[in-house]
Amino acid sequence: MDNLPSFKRLLIAVLSVTLLVGTGFANVPKEKGRKAIPMRRNGVRDEVFSPKYIKDVLLKTTQWQLQHPKHSPTDWTNGAFYAGIFAAYETTKSPLILDSLMAIGERNQWRPGKRFDHADDIAVCQMYIDLYRLKKDRRMIQPTIDTVQKMQKVTGPELAKHGQTWWWCDALFMAPPVLAKLSTTLNDPAYNTFSDSLFKQTYTLLYNRQEHLFARDANYLVDANGVGKKEANGQKIFWSRGNGWVMGGLVRVLEELPAKHPSRAFYLTLYRQMSERLLALQQADGLWRASLLDPAAYPGGEASGSGFDCYALAWGINQGILPKKTYQPAVEKAWVALTKLVSPEGRVGWVQPIGGDPRRNFSEDSWEVYGTGAFLLAGSQIIKLKP
């Protein structure tokens, strides 16, 4: 939610613009206009798959979003955005992006949000850990460690209220990657063990083993008698971005998990099941709709869920986990579609606003920081695809 006072929002905007302009980042070339580009021309890979194009569009969208902050710096929305910015840095090696990330961390004093047991409030810590790996400055991750250790030892309000700590599917992007990154960085398997336990609780509650998709939370479960919330076409409600969050989280956990970790097979099986299902649910334009099983009722593709899906599927191809012949055409189609959602200024549009269910009230002018984050993550994997 946008709880940040307007004067603080203005201050952050000024700081961001000052940082970018002062370093010359604001001079990244802009496209002359959007155009519909076919994915292939006479067997030659399209412009949007060239390393130059991808790096330029990652720089441009990063620049635009940094100049248009919207939420508290430690908000979950920024957790997804920061993950995307770091991926853009890894792709472009731009010192200006790295400077921006460091400035964000310093302004935040490397702290997560205030709720020690809420997955949303540690999402930003993914970026802190990534930067720590570059700089080796312990103060960048000590607040994260302190918060997670408190979560491990203290029964918090989320557990008391909901019966489990991670009770909504989005949490599987927010928190497990943080714990997996800590486990790797500190060489401490206890963080992965703790994460496994909470992840599998959420899986047991929300994963539909027939549909191979996650309900957003228990409010969207349908019982054995067919009683529960449904779409107009009678199908169960499976939210695109919610499942995109899960796919993104799975990828980021698998990147960290040791090859012989006892839970790796569980995560790989879940990842493959969801990948196959999402492949079948991709629409003709290359995007996914806000509601996965009732696409006709939600015209217009949604950028954030589609961006996370593109990212996760491209990663699987690059890792040799998903068969290239089956998945790469769909991933390339998704990337072409996503590039068409970027305005000449670098704004990623067609992003569903904040909410916990499918929405129809968004357009090409609708943007959110997590939509940009998903786009940046997608581009960071697309550039690695081989023809």
Protein backbone atom coordinates (compact mmCIF):
# COMPACT_ATOMS: atom_id res chain seq x y z
CA MET A 1 0.00 0.00 0.00
CA ASP A 2 1.10 3.56 -0.61
CA ASN A 3 1.47 4.71 2.99
CA LEU A 4 4.43 7.01 2.39
CA PRO A 5 3.77 10.72 3.16
CA SER A 6 3.86 12.86 0.07
CA PHE A 7 6.85 14.93 1.18
CA LYS A 8 8.91 11.77 1.74
CA ARG A 9 7.88 10.46 -1.65
CA LEU A 10 9.03 13.73 -3.18
CA LEU A 11 12.34 13.53 -1.32
CA ILE A 12 12.97 10.01 -2.58
CA ALA A 13 12.09 11.06 -6.11
CA VAL A 14 14.51 14.00 -5.92
CA LEU A 15 17.27 11.78 -4.55
CA SER A 16 16.74 9.23 -7.29
CA VAL A 17 16.69 11.80 -10.06
CA THR A 18 19.73 13.58 -8.61
CA LEU A 19 21.66 10.33 -8.44
CA LEU A 20 20.81 9.37 -11.99
CA VAL A 21 21.30 12.74 -13.61
CA GLY A 22 24.44 13.46 -11.62
CA THR A 23 26.06 10.30 -12.95
CA GLY A 24 24.81 10.61 -16.50
CA PHE A 25 22.42 7.67 -16.19
CA ALA A 26 19.55 9.82 -17.40
CA ASN A 27 21.22 10.01 -20.81
CA VAL A 28 20.40 6.40 -21.74
CA PRO A 29 19.10 6.49 -25.34
CA LYS A 30 15.34 6.27 -25.72
CA GLU A 31 13.43 4.34 -28.32
CA LYS A 32 11.83 6.48 -30.99
CA GLY A 33 8.52 4.77 -30.42
CA ARG A 34 6.92 1.43 -29.87
CA LYS A 35 6.41 -0.81 -32.82
CA ALA A 36 4.94 -4.23 -33.37
CA ILE A 37 7.85 -6.50 -34.28
CA PRO A 38 7.36 -10.07 -35.42
CA MET A 39 9.31 -12.63 -33.42
CA ARG A 40 11.16 -13.99 -36.45
CA ARG A 41 12.03 -12.65 -39.88
CA ASN A 42 13.27 -15.12 -42.44
CA GLY A 43 14.82 -17.24 -39.71
CA VAL A 44 16.87 -14.34 -38.36
CA ARG A 45 16.56 -13.50 -34.69
CA ASP A 46 14.62 -10.34 -34.12
CA GLU A 47 16.01 -7.03 -32.90
CA VAL A 48 14.39 -7.49 -29.46
CA PHE A 49 16.63 -10.52 -28.82
CA SER A 50 19.89 -8.71 -29.55
CA PRO A 51 22.09 -8.13 -26.50
CA LYS A 52 22.24 -4.42 -27.30
CA TYR A 53 18.47 -4.04 -27.39
CA ILE A 54 18.00 -6.02 -24.19
CA LYS A 55 20.64 -4.08 -22.27
CA ASP A 56 19.28 -0.76 -23.54
CA VAL A 57 15.70 -1.57 -22.56
CA LEU A 58 16.78 -2.82 -19.13
CA LEU A 59 18.67 0.43 -18.54
CA LYS A 60 15.78 2.53 -19.79
CA THR A 61 13.09 0.83 -17.70
CA THR A 62 15.32 0.87 -14.62
CA GLN A 63 15.93 4.58 -15.10
CA TRP A 64 12.24 5.41 -15.52
CA GLN A 65 11.17 3.43 -12.48
CA LEU A 66 13.88 4.84 -10.22
CA GLN A 67 12.70 8.30 -11.17
CA HIS A 68 9.10 7.38 -10.26
CA PRO A 69 9.14 5.87 -6.75
CA LYS A 70 5.76 4.97 -5.32
CA HIS A 71 6.05 3.17 -1.99
CA SER A 72 8.02 2.98 1.23
CA PRO A 73 11.59 1.91 0.34
CA THR A 74 11.23 -1.36 2.30
CA ASP A 75 7.80 -2.22 0.92
CA TRP A 76 7.25 -5.66 -0.65
CA THR A 77 6.60 -4.02 -3.99
CA ASN A 78 10.13 -2.71 -3.97
CA GLY A 79 11.41 -6.14 -2.98
CA ALA A 80 10.44 -7.37 -6.43
CA PHE A 81 11.73 -4.21 -8.09
CA TYR A 82 15.12 -4.37 -6.36
CA ALA A 83 15.48 -8.01 -7.38
CA GLY A 84 14.94 -6.88 -10.96
CA ILE A 85 17.39 -3.98 -10.67
CA PHE A 86 20.10 -6.30 -9.39
CA ALA A 87 19.43 -8.68 -12.28
CA ALA A 88 19.73 -5.69 -14.63
CA TYR A 89 23.07 -4.83 -13.02
CA GLU A 90 24.33 -8.38 -13.51
CA THR A 91 23.27 -8.20 -17.15
CA THR A 92 24.61 -4.76 -18.02
CA LYS A 93 27.40 -4.38 -15.43
CA SER A 94 26.38 -0.73 -15.28
CA PRO A 95 28.20 0.98 -12.40
CA LEU A 96 25.37 3.50 -12.36
CA ILE A 97 22.82 0.80 -11.51
CA LEU A 98 25.13 -0.51 -8.81
CA ASP A 99 25.50 3.01 -7.39
CA SER A 100 21.72 3.34 -7.31
CA LEU A 101 21.32 0.04 -5.46
CA MET A 102 23.96 1.00 -2.92
CA ALA A 103 22.25 4.35 -2.39
CA ILE A 104 18.94 2.58 -1.74
CA GLY A 105 20.57 0.25 0.78
CA GLU A 106 22.26 3.11 2.60
CA ARG A 107 19.04 5.13 2.77
CA ASN A 108 17.27 2.06 4.17
CA GLN A 109 20.14 1.51 6.62
CA TRP A 110 20.07 -2.06 5.28
CA ARG A 111 16.94 -2.76 7.29
CA PRO A 112 13.91 -4.86 6.33
CA GLY A 113 10.38 -3.76 7.18
CA LYS A 114 9.18 -3.64 10.78
CA ARG A 115 7.20 -6.92 10.91
CA PHE A 116 9.72 -9.62 11.75
CA ASP A 117 7.39 -12.53 10.90
CA HIS A 118 5.75 -11.16 7.75
CA ALA A 119 7.25 -12.41 4.48
CA ASP A 120 6.51 -9.12 2.74
CA ASP A 121 8.79 -7.21 5.07
CA ILE A 122 11.94 -9.18 4.27
CA ALA A 123 11.51 -9.23 0.47
CA VAL A 124 13.92 -6.29 0.11
CA CYS A 125 16.60 -8.34 1.88
CA GLN A 126 17.23 -10.34 -1.29
CA MET A 127 18.93 -7.29 -2.72
CA TYR A 128 20.90 -6.62 0.47
CA ILE A 129 22.35 -10.13 0.39
CA ASP A 130 23.22 -9.85 -3.30
CA LEU A 131 25.08 -6.60 -2.64
CA TYR A 132 26.81 -8.07 0.38
CA ARG A 133 28.22 -10.79 -1.84
CA LEU A 134 29.88 -8.05 -3.89
CA LYS A 135 31.02 -5.76 -1.08
CA LYS A 136 31.53 -8.15 1.87
CA ASP A 137 30.35 -5.52 4.35
CA ARG A 138 28.61 -7.33 7.21
CA ARG A 139 26.41 -4.37 8.12
CA MET A 140 24.56 -4.91 4.82
CA ILE A 141 23.10 -8.20 6.04
CA GLN A 142 23.20 -8.07 9.85
CA PRO A 143 19.69 -6.54 10.18
CA THR A 144 18.39 -9.31 7.90
CA ILE A 145 20.06 -11.98 10.02
CA ASP A 146 18.68 -10.44 13.22
CA THR A 147 15.14 -10.33 11.80
CA VAL A 148 15.20 -13.91 10.52
CA GLN A 149 16.61 -15.23 13.77
CA LYS A 150 13.80 -13.51 15.63
CA MET A 151 11.29 -15.11 13.26
CA GLN A 152 12.82 -18.52 13.97
CA LYS A 153 12.61 -18.11 17.73
CA VAL A 154 9.46 -16.10 18.38
CA THR A 155 5.85 -17.03 17.63
CA GLY A 156 4.63 -14.00 15.73
CA PRO A 157 1.21 -12.51 14.94
CA GLU A 158 0.98 -14.20 11.52
CA LEU A 159 1.24 -17.68 13.02
CA ALA A 160 -1.14 -16.80 15.84
CA LYS A 161 -3.74 -15.31 13.50
CA HIS A 162 -3.55 -17.67 10.50
CA GLY A 163 -2.18 -20.90 11.92
CA GLN A 164 0.93 -20.69 9.77
CA THR A 165 3.48 -18.01 8.98
CA TRP A 166 3.18 -17.97 5.17
CA TRP A 167 -0.54 -18.26 4.43
CA TRP A 168 -0.67 -16.56 1.01
CA CYS A 169 1.10 -17.72 -2.15
CA ASP A 170 2.91 -14.43 -2.86
CA ALA A 171 4.94 -15.07 0.28
CA LEU A 172 6.83 -17.79 -1.58
CA PHE A 173 8.62 -15.11 -3.59
CA MET A 174 9.10 -12.72 -0.69
CA ALA A 175 10.75 -14.91 1.95
CA PRO A 176 12.18 -18.29 0.77
CA PRO A 177 14.81 -16.70 -1.51
CA VAL A 178 16.02 -14.60 1.42
CA LEU A 179 16.46 -17.70 3.59
CA ALA A 180 18.06 -19.66 0.75
CA LYS A 181 20.49 -16.82 0.05
CA LEU A 182 21.38 -16.58 3.73
CA SER A 183 21.95 -20.31 3.89
CA THR A 184 24.38 -20.16 0.98
CA THR A 185 26.09 -16.94 2.04
CA LEU A 186 26.62 -17.98 5.66
CA ASN A 187 27.12 -21.68 4.87
CA ASP A 188 24.38 -22.49 7.38
CA PRO A 189 21.88 -25.20 6.33
CA ALA A 190 19.53 -24.27 9.17
CA TYR A 191 18.09 -21.41 7.11
CA ASN A 192 17.12 -23.80 4.30
CA THR A 193 15.64 -26.26 6.80
CA PHE A 194 13.52 -23.50 8.30
CA SER A 195 12.42 -22.28 4.88
CA ASP A 196 11.51 -25.80 3.73
CA SER A 197 9.22 -26.24 6.69
CA LEU A 198 7.29 -23.02 6.09
CA PHE A 199 7.24 -23.43 2.29
CA LYS A 200 5.76 -26.92 2.51
CA GLN A 201 3.05 -25.68 4.89
CA THR A 202 2.00 -23.16 2.26
CA TYR A 203 2.22 -25.78 -0.47
CA THR A 204 -0.01 -28.17 1.49
CA LEU A 205 -2.61 -25.47 2.09
CA LEU A 206 -2.76 -23.76 -1.31
CA TYR A 207 -1.39 -25.99 -4.09
CA ASN A 208 -4.01 -27.65 -6.28
CA ARG A 209 -2.57 -30.99 -7.33
CA GLN A 210 -4.99 -31.38 -10.23
CA GLU A 211 -4.56 -27.92 -11.72
CA HIS A 212 -0.88 -27.57 -10.73
CA LEU A 213 -1.52 -24.00 -9.61
CA PHE A 214 -1.66 -22.14 -6.31
CA ALA A 215 -4.73 -20.48 -4.84
CA ARG A 216 -3.86 -17.01 -3.66
CA ASP A 217 -4.92 -17.86 -0.08
CA ALA A 218 -7.50 -19.98 1.74
CA ASN A 219 -10.31 -17.62 0.67
CA TYR A 220 -9.93 -19.02 -2.87
CA LEU A 221 -10.01 -22.72 -2.03
CA VAL A 222 -12.90 -24.78 -3.40
CA ASP A 223 -13.93 -27.76 -1.30
CA ALA A 224 -14.65 -31.33 -2.42
CA ASN A 225 -18.31 -30.42 -2.97
CA GLY A 226 -17.41 -27.61 -5.35
CA VAL A 227 -18.24 -24.90 -2.83
CA GLY A 228 -16.08 -21.78 -2.99
CA LYS A 229 -15.29 -18.71 -5.08
CA LYS A 230 -15.29 -19.29 -8.83
CA GLU A 231 -14.98 -17.34 -12.03
CA ALA A 232 -17.96 -16.53 -14.24
CA ASN A 233 -17.19 -19.55 -16.42
CA GLY A 234 -17.35 -21.85 -13.39
CA GLN A 235 -13.60 -22.36 -13.12
CA LYS A 236 -11.62 -22.00 -9.91
CA ILE A 237 -9.84 -18.72 -9.39
CA PHE A 238 -6.10 -18.90 -9.95
CA TRP A 239 -4.48 -15.49 -9.97
CA SER A 240 -1.82 -14.99 -12.61
CA ARG A 241 0.53 -12.76 -10.64
CA GLY A 242 0.20 -14.93 -7.54
CA ASN A 243 1.39 -17.94 -9.49
CA GLY A 244 4.04 -15.78 -11.12
CA TRP A 245 5.31 -14.85 -7.65
CA VAL A 246 5.57 -18.56 -6.84
CA MET A 247 7.44 -19.35 -10.07
CA GLY A 248 9.87 -16.50 -9.46
CA GLY A 249 10.42 -17.67 -5.90
CA LEU A 250 11.05 -21.25 -7.00
CA VAL A 251 13.69 -20.12 -9.47
CA ARG A 252 15.47 -18.03 -6.87
CA VAL A 253 15.43 -20.86 -4.33
CA LEU A 254 16.69 -23.41 -6.86
CA GLU A 255 19.55 -21.08 -7.79
CA GLU A 256 20.77 -21.27 -4.20
CA LEU A 257 19.90 -24.81 -3.13
CA PRO A 258 22.80 -27.30 -3.14
CA ALA A 259 22.57 -29.99 -5.84
CA LYS A 260 22.29 -32.75 -3.26
CA HIS A 261 19.96 -30.96 -0.87
CA PRO A 262 17.19 -33.38 0.25
CA SER A 263 14.42 -30.94 -0.74
CA ARG A 264 15.75 -30.08 -4.18
CA ALA A 265 13.71 -32.82 -5.87
CA PHE A 266 10.53 -31.42 -4.28
CA TYR A 267 11.17 -27.93 -5.66
CA LEU A 268 12.16 -29.23 -9.10
CA THR A 269 9.01 -31.35 -9.36
CA LEU A 270 6.84 -28.41 -8.38
CA TYR A 271 8.66 -26.14 -10.82
CA ARG A 272 8.22 -28.57 -13.72
CA GLN A 273 4.54 -29.16 -12.95
CA MET A 274 3.76 -25.45 -12.84
CA SER A 275 5.85 -24.75 -15.94
CA GLU A 276 3.92 -27.29 -17.97
CA ARG A 277 0.60 -25.88 -16.78
CA LEU A 278 1.56 -22.29 -17.47
CA LEU A 279 2.79 -23.19 -20.92
CA ALA A 280 -0.69 -24.48 -21.73
CA LEU A 281 -2.31 -21.32 -20.34
CA GLN A 282 -0.28 -18.79 -22.33
CA GLN A 283 -2.52 -16.81 -24.68
CA ALA A 284 -2.08 -16.25 -28.40
CA ASP A 285 -0.52 -12.80 -27.90
CA GLY A 286 2.24 -14.31 -25.75
CA LEU A 287 0.95 -13.03 -22.41
CA TRP A 288 -1.02 -14.52 -19.54
CA ARG A 289 -4.33 -13.12 -18.34
CA ALA A 290 -4.99 -11.87 -14.80
CA SER A 291 -7.15 -14.93 -14.15
CA LEU A 292 -5.51 -18.02 -15.57
CA LEU A 293 -8.57 -20.21 -16.09
CA ASP A 294 -11.00 -17.57 -17.37
CA PRO A 295 -8.89 -15.59 -19.85
CA ALA A 296 -11.86 -14.50 -21.96
CA ALA A 297 -13.25 -12.52 -19.03
CA TYR A 298 -9.99 -10.60 -18.61
CA PRO A 299 -9.07 -9.15 -22.01
CA GLY A 300 -5.60 -7.72 -22.32
CA GLY A 301 -2.44 -9.36 -21.07
CA GLU A 302 -1.05 -8.54 -17.62
CA ALA A 303 2.60 -7.51 -17.44
CA SER A 304 3.66 -8.53 -13.95
CA GLY A 305 2.40 -12.12 -13.96
CA SER A 306 3.59 -12.53 -17.56
CA GLY A 307 6.99 -11.07 -16.70
CA PHE A 308 7.54 -13.48 -13.82
CA ASP A 309 6.43 -16.43 -15.97
CA CYS A 310 8.76 -15.40 -18.80
CA TYR A 311 11.63 -15.05 -16.33
CA ALA A 312 11.03 -18.42 -14.68
CA LEU A 313 10.54 -20.38 -17.91
CA ALA A 314 13.57 -18.79 -19.58
CA TRP A 315 15.66 -19.64 -16.53
CA GLY A 316 14.58 -23.29 -16.80
CA ILE A 317 15.67 -23.42 -20.44
CA ASN A 318 19.01 -21.81 -19.63
CA GLN A 319 19.60 -24.32 -16.84
CA GLY A 320 18.70 -27.31 -19.01
CA ILE A 321 15.76 -28.15 -16.75
CA LEU A 322 13.05 -27.43 -19.34
CA PRO A 323 13.29 -28.79 -22.89
CA LYS A 324 14.27 -25.98 -25.22
CA LYS A 325 12.25 -27.26 -28.18
CA THR A 326 9.03 -27.21 -26.13
CA TYR A 327 9.46 -24.02 -24.14
CA GLN A 328 11.66 -21.59 -26.06
CA PRO A 329 9.07 -20.60 -28.69
CA ALA A 330 6.64 -19.70 -25.90
CA VAL A 331 9.28 -17.78 -23.96
CA GLU A 332 10.37 -15.82 -27.01
CA LYS A 333 6.76 -15.02 -27.81
CA ALA A 334 6.28 -13.77 -24.24
CA TRP A 335 9.36 -11.52 -24.46
CA VAL A 336 8.23 -9.96 -27.73
CA ALA A 337 4.84 -9.25 -26.14
CA LEU A 338 6.40 -7.79 -23.00
CA THR A 339 8.58 -5.39 -24.99
CA LYS A 340 5.43 -3.99 -26.59
CA LEU A 341 4.18 -2.98 -23.12
CA VAL A 342 7.12 -0.60 -22.61
CA SER A 343 6.40 3.04 -23.44
CA PRO A 344 8.95 5.19 -25.30
CA GLU A 345 9.90 6.71 -21.94
CA GLY A 346 10.58 3.31 -20.35
CA ARG A 347 7.41 2.77 -18.34
CA VAL A 348 6.16 -0.83 -18.18
CA GLY A 349 2.40 -0.64 -18.64
CA TRP A 350 -0.54 -3.04 -18.41
CA VAL A 351 0.35 -3.90 -14.81
CA GLN A 352 -2.48 -4.99 -12.56
CA PRO A 353 -2.62 -2.76 -9.47
CA ILE A 354 -2.05 -3.96 -5.93
CA GLY A 355 -4.56 -6.57 -4.81
CA GLY A 356 -4.89 -10.22 -3.92
CA ASP A 357 -7.07 -11.39 -6.80
CA PRO A 358 -7.52 -11.00 -10.57
CA ARG A 359 -8.47 -7.45 -11.60
CA ARG A 360 -9.84 -5.90 -14.78
CA ASN A 361 -9.23 -2.23 -13.98
CA PHE A 362 -5.88 -1.65 -15.61
CA SER A 363 -4.60 -0.38 -18.94
CA GLU A 364 -1.48 0.61 -20.85
CA ASP A 365 -1.11 3.52 -18.41
CA SER A 366 -1.20 1.25 -15.34
CA TRP A 367 2.22 0.70 -13.82
CA GLU A 368 3.70 -0.61 -10.61
CA VAL A 369 7.26 -1.12 -9.45
CA TYR A 370 6.85 -4.90 -9.30
CA GLY A 371 5.82 -4.90 -12.95
CA THR A 372 9.14 -3.30 -13.81
CA GLY A 373 10.92 -5.75 -11.54
CA ALA A 374 9.34 -8.71 -13.34
CA PHE A 375 10.28 -7.23 -16.72
CA LEU A 376 13.90 -6.74 -15.66
CA LEU A 377 14.12 -10.30 -14.35
CA ALA A 378 12.70 -11.61 -17.63
CA GLY A 379 15.20 -9.65 -19.71
CA SER A 380 18.09 -10.90 -17.57
CA GLN A 381 17.28 -14.47 -18.63
CA ILE A 382 16.19 -13.77 -22.21
CA ILE A 383 19.63 -12.40 -23.04
CA LYS A 384 21.12 -15.78 -22.11
CA LEU A 385 18.91 -17.81 -24.47
CA LYS A 386 20.68 -19.39 -27.40
CA PRO A 387 18.95 -19.38 -30.81
